[in-house]
Amino acid sequence: MKIGILLSGCGVYDGAEIQEAVLSMLAIEELGAEYICIGINANQHHVINHLSGEEMPEERNMMIEAARISRGEIVDIKSIQPVDIDALVIPGGFGSAKNLTKWAFNGADGAIMPEVKLLLVNLINVGKPIAALCVSPILLAKALENSSIKSTLTVGTTFEKSPYDIQSFSTEIEKTGAIHTLKTVREIEIDIENKIISAPCYMMNASILEVKKNITSAIQALINLA
């Protein structure tokens, strides 16, 4: 079984969340599948200094940055068709909200990259499952907006501590027509009808061990649905 991993760059504040990406790779191999990393040949929204949190006066390419995580083995999203993979995982990180969509700036009104929407919709249309980690369920909410598909997603819960405003995310996700459910980092949401799995991961205050377990649960569910 071959599972794609869609990467939006390299680094939590301006690209893909590195730990979630690497733990996804590890879980996929531990569960007996193989992965293929997928990147986007376009500049990311901006570059953030991960020590200070300040914006840096430079440009970086999402695919080149993502190749740091994949050790150079990565394919362009434009060359991937649903027939090439059996399932897809999307790690979190602000790249999903700044690069792949503009959710970070405009909420549910933020646009999604056409090539990202095309891949997600095509996979769903042919019944191939998708696991969206951390903030990445927003990509599915945007991809399926104004469609006949009503997905069920989670980015976390308001009943436990989070570094983010989970209630705001929930409200914005439901503006797209999706249903948001509250899940802890010890839980995953499985939308069986649409073959979509979501897991809160670092949207909640969580240790790396908790995130690893959350991702492993999501990947196992992904493989079961595939």
Protein backbone atom coordinates (compact mmCIF):
# COMPACT_ATOMS: atom_id res chain seq x y z
CA MET A 1 0.00 0.00 0.00
CA LYS A 2 1.32 3.44 -0.96
CA ILE A 3 0.27 6.48 1.05
CA GLY A 4 0.94 10.04 -0.08
CA ILE A 5 2.07 12.68 2.42
CA LEU A 6 1.23 16.22 1.32
CA LEU A 7 3.79 18.72 2.64
CA SER A 8 3.30 22.50 2.65
CA GLY A 9 6.92 23.43 3.41
CA CYS A 10 9.17 22.82 6.40
CA GLY A 11 8.46 24.31 9.81
CA VAL A 12 5.38 24.76 11.97
CA TYR A 13 5.01 28.54 11.58
CA ASP A 14 5.31 28.77 7.81
CA GLY A 15 5.12 25.24 6.40
CA ALA A 16 4.46 21.63 7.40
CA GLU A 17 4.75 20.66 11.07
CA ILE A 18 7.98 18.66 11.01
CA GLN A 19 7.26 16.32 13.90
CA GLU A 20 3.81 15.46 12.55
CA ALA A 21 5.29 14.83 9.11
CA VAL A 22 8.07 12.57 10.39
CA LEU A 23 5.77 10.73 12.80
CA SER A 24 3.40 10.11 9.88
CA MET A 25 6.25 8.55 7.89
CA LEU A 26 7.20 6.41 10.88
CA ALA A 27 3.62 5.24 11.53
CA ILE A 28 3.09 4.37 7.87
CA GLU A 29 6.19 2.17 7.78
CA GLU A 30 5.52 0.63 11.20
CA LEU A 31 2.06 -0.38 9.96
CA GLY A 32 3.49 -2.10 6.89
CA ALA A 33 2.81 0.48 4.17
CA GLU A 34 5.07 2.80 2.21
CA TYR A 35 4.88 6.56 1.75
CA ILE A 36 5.55 9.02 -1.02
CA CYS A 37 6.03 12.70 -0.19
CA ILE A 38 4.20 15.25 -2.32
CA GLY A 39 5.18 18.90 -2.62
CA ILE A 40 4.06 22.06 -4.39
CA ASN A 41 6.43 23.98 -6.63
CA ALA A 42 5.46 27.48 -5.51
CA ASN A 43 6.69 30.03 -2.98
CA GLN A 44 5.29 29.88 0.53
CA HIS A 45 3.41 32.91 1.88
CA HIS A 46 6.35 34.12 3.96
CA VAL A 47 9.32 32.88 5.98
CA ILE A 48 9.26 32.90 9.78
CA ASN A 49 12.27 32.86 12.09
CA HIS A 50 11.37 29.93 14.34
CA LEU A 51 13.51 31.35 17.19
CA SER A 52 11.95 34.81 17.35
CA GLY A 53 8.64 34.32 15.55
CA GLU A 54 9.46 37.28 13.32
CA GLU A 55 9.01 37.40 9.56
CA MET A 56 12.24 37.23 7.55
CA PRO A 57 12.93 39.27 4.38
CA GLU A 58 13.31 36.31 2.01
CA GLU A 59 11.37 33.88 -0.16
CA ARG A 60 11.34 30.08 -0.02
CA ASN A 61 9.83 27.44 -2.27
CA MET A 62 7.45 24.97 -0.60
CA MET A 63 8.72 21.96 -2.50
CA ILE A 64 12.39 22.73 -1.86
CA GLU A 65 11.66 23.27 1.82
CA ALA A 66 9.56 20.09 2.07
CA ALA A 67 12.44 18.15 0.53
CA ARG A 68 14.35 18.82 3.77
CA ILE A 69 11.82 16.61 5.56
CA SER A 70 11.65 13.95 2.86
CA ARG A 71 15.45 13.74 2.46
CA GLY A 72 15.15 14.88 -1.15
CA GLU A 73 12.61 12.27 -2.23
CA ILE A 74 9.52 14.24 -3.25
CA VAL A 75 7.18 14.54 -6.23
CA ASP A 76 5.25 17.52 -7.56
CA ILE A 77 1.53 17.52 -6.77
CA LYS A 78 0.83 18.19 -10.45
CA SER A 79 2.31 14.80 -11.36
CA ILE A 80 0.22 12.82 -8.84
CA GLN A 81 -3.04 11.14 -9.85
CA PRO A 82 -5.40 9.19 -7.57
CA VAL A 83 -4.28 5.97 -9.25
CA ASP A 84 -0.72 6.59 -7.94
CA ILE A 85 -1.62 6.34 -4.25
CA ASP A 86 -4.01 4.35 -2.09
CA ALA A 87 -4.53 7.08 0.52
CA LEU A 88 -3.27 10.51 1.59
CA VAL A 89 -2.03 12.04 4.85
CA ILE A 90 -1.80 15.80 5.40
CA PRO A 91 0.33 16.87 8.38
CA GLY A 92 -0.51 20.17 10.05
CA GLY A 93 1.51 23.32 10.41
CA PHE A 94 0.69 26.90 9.43
CA GLY A 95 1.54 26.00 5.84
CA SER A 96 -1.95 24.51 5.53
CA ALA A 97 -3.47 27.81 6.63
CA LYS A 98 -1.03 30.20 4.92
CA ASN A 99 0.25 28.39 1.82
CA LEU A 100 -2.27 25.75 0.77
CA THR A 101 -5.16 28.01 1.79
CA LYS A 102 -5.46 31.59 3.04
CA TRP A 103 -7.45 30.49 6.10
CA ALA A 104 -4.97 32.16 8.46
CA PHE A 105 -5.89 35.55 7.00
CA ASN A 106 -9.53 35.20 5.94
CA GLY A 107 -10.90 32.20 7.84
CA ALA A 108 -13.44 30.18 5.87
CA ASP A 109 -13.40 32.88 3.17
CA GLY A 110 -9.73 32.17 2.43
CA ALA A 111 -9.05 30.58 -0.96
CA ILE A 112 -7.59 27.09 -1.39
CA MET A 113 -4.88 26.35 -3.97
CA PRO A 114 -6.59 24.85 -7.05
CA GLU A 115 -4.12 21.97 -7.35
CA VAL A 116 -4.68 21.02 -3.70
CA LYS A 117 -8.46 21.12 -4.09
CA LEU A 118 -8.24 19.05 -7.27
CA LEU A 119 -6.20 16.28 -5.62
CA LEU A 120 -8.44 16.10 -2.55
CA VAL A 121 -11.69 16.11 -4.50
CA ASN A 122 -10.41 13.52 -6.98
CA LEU A 123 -9.32 11.20 -4.17
CA ILE A 124 -12.68 11.48 -2.43
CA ASN A 125 -14.56 10.94 -5.68
CA VAL A 126 -12.80 7.62 -6.27
CA GLY A 127 -13.18 6.52 -2.65
CA LYS A 128 -9.59 6.81 -1.48
CA PRO A 129 -9.23 7.83 2.18
CA ILE A 130 -7.58 10.98 3.52
CA ALA A 131 -6.20 11.63 7.00
CA ALA A 132 -5.91 15.32 7.94
CA LEU A 133 -3.82 16.09 11.01
CA CYS A 134 -3.80 19.12 13.30
CA VAL A 135 -5.14 22.18 11.40
CA SER A 136 -5.26 20.43 8.02
CA PRO A 137 -8.97 19.48 8.16
CA ILE A 138 -9.53 23.07 6.99
CA LEU A 139 -8.22 21.93 3.59
CA LEU A 140 -10.98 19.36 3.29
CA ALA A 141 -13.56 21.86 4.51
CA LYS A 142 -12.50 24.25 1.72
CA ALA A 143 -12.10 21.54 -0.94
CA LEU A 144 -15.64 20.25 -0.35
CA GLU A 145 -17.26 23.65 0.12
CA ASN A 146 -20.37 24.14 -2.04
CA SER A 147 -20.43 20.43 -2.90
CA SER A 148 -22.99 17.76 -2.06
CA ILE A 149 -20.52 16.12 0.35
CA LYS A 150 -20.99 17.02 4.02
CA SER A 151 -17.83 15.96 5.81
CA THR A 152 -17.33 15.48 9.54
CA LEU A 153 -14.05 16.89 10.83
CA THR A 154 -12.20 17.81 14.02
CA VAL A 155 -9.34 20.11 14.92
CA GLY A 156 -9.65 19.55 18.67
CA THR A 157 -11.85 20.30 21.66
CA THR A 158 -12.79 23.31 23.77
CA PHE A 159 -12.81 21.18 26.92
CA GLU A 160 -9.03 20.84 27.19
CA LYS A 161 -6.16 23.31 26.82
CA SER A 162 -5.12 24.42 23.36
CA PRO A 163 -2.73 27.10 22.07
CA TYR A 164 -5.42 28.01 19.52
CA ASP A 165 -9.03 29.19 19.53
CA ILE A 166 -10.75 25.88 18.83
CA GLN A 167 -14.23 27.42 19.02
CA SER A 168 -13.33 29.90 16.27
CA PHE A 169 -12.00 27.10 14.07
CA SER A 170 -15.16 25.08 14.71
CA THR A 171 -17.39 28.01 13.74
CA GLU A 172 -15.42 28.76 10.56
CA ILE A 173 -15.29 25.11 9.51
CA GLU A 174 -19.06 24.84 9.80
CA LYS A 175 -19.42 27.94 7.61
CA THR A 176 -18.13 25.79 4.73
CA GLY A 177 -20.91 23.24 5.24
CA ALA A 178 -18.80 20.69 7.12
CA ILE A 179 -19.66 19.38 10.60
CA HIS A 180 -17.10 19.95 13.36
CA THR A 181 -16.87 17.53 16.28
CA LEU A 182 -14.88 17.98 19.49
CA LYS A 183 -12.07 15.47 19.98
CA THR A 184 -9.10 15.35 22.35
CA VAL A 185 -5.55 14.47 21.35
CA ARG A 186 -6.37 10.95 22.51
CA GLU A 187 -9.15 10.63 19.95
CA ILE A 188 -9.67 10.74 16.20
CA GLU A 189 -12.71 11.53 14.08
CA ILE A 190 -13.61 8.93 11.43
CA ASP A 191 -16.05 10.02 8.74
CA ILE A 192 -16.73 6.55 7.39
CA GLU A 193 -19.08 7.65 4.62
CA ASN A 194 -16.53 10.01 3.05
CA LYS A 195 -13.43 8.07 4.19
CA ILE A 196 -11.96 11.09 6.00
CA ILE A 197 -10.00 10.82 9.26
CA SER A 198 -8.97 13.82 11.32
CA ALA A 199 -6.76 13.99 14.43
CA PRO A 200 -6.08 17.08 16.61
CA CYS A 201 -2.36 16.46 17.26
CA TYR A 202 -0.61 19.75 18.09
CA MET A 203 -3.83 21.78 17.89
CA MET A 204 -4.06 20.72 21.53
CA ASN A 205 -1.48 21.13 24.30
CA ALA A 206 0.19 17.78 23.75
CA SER A 207 3.50 16.00 24.21
CA ILE A 208 5.31 14.43 21.27
CA LEU A 209 4.36 11.00 22.64
CA GLU A 210 0.67 11.93 22.70
CA VAL A 211 0.95 13.25 19.15
CA LYS A 212 2.70 10.06 18.01
CA LYS A 213 -0.13 7.93 19.43
CA ASN A 214 -2.75 10.21 17.85
CA ILE A 215 -1.07 9.97 14.44
CA THR A 216 -0.64 6.21 14.68
CA SER A 217 -4.36 5.85 15.42
CA ALA A 218 -5.17 8.03 12.40
CA ILE A 219 -2.86 6.11 10.07
CA GLN A 220 -4.24 2.76 11.26
CA ALA A 221 -7.78 3.99 10.56
CA LEU A 222 -6.61 5.26 7.16
CA ILE A 223 -5.18 1.86 6.24
CA ASN A 224 -8.34 0.12 7.45
CA LEU A 225 -10.48 2.34 5.22
CA ALA A 226 -8.18 1.81 2.25
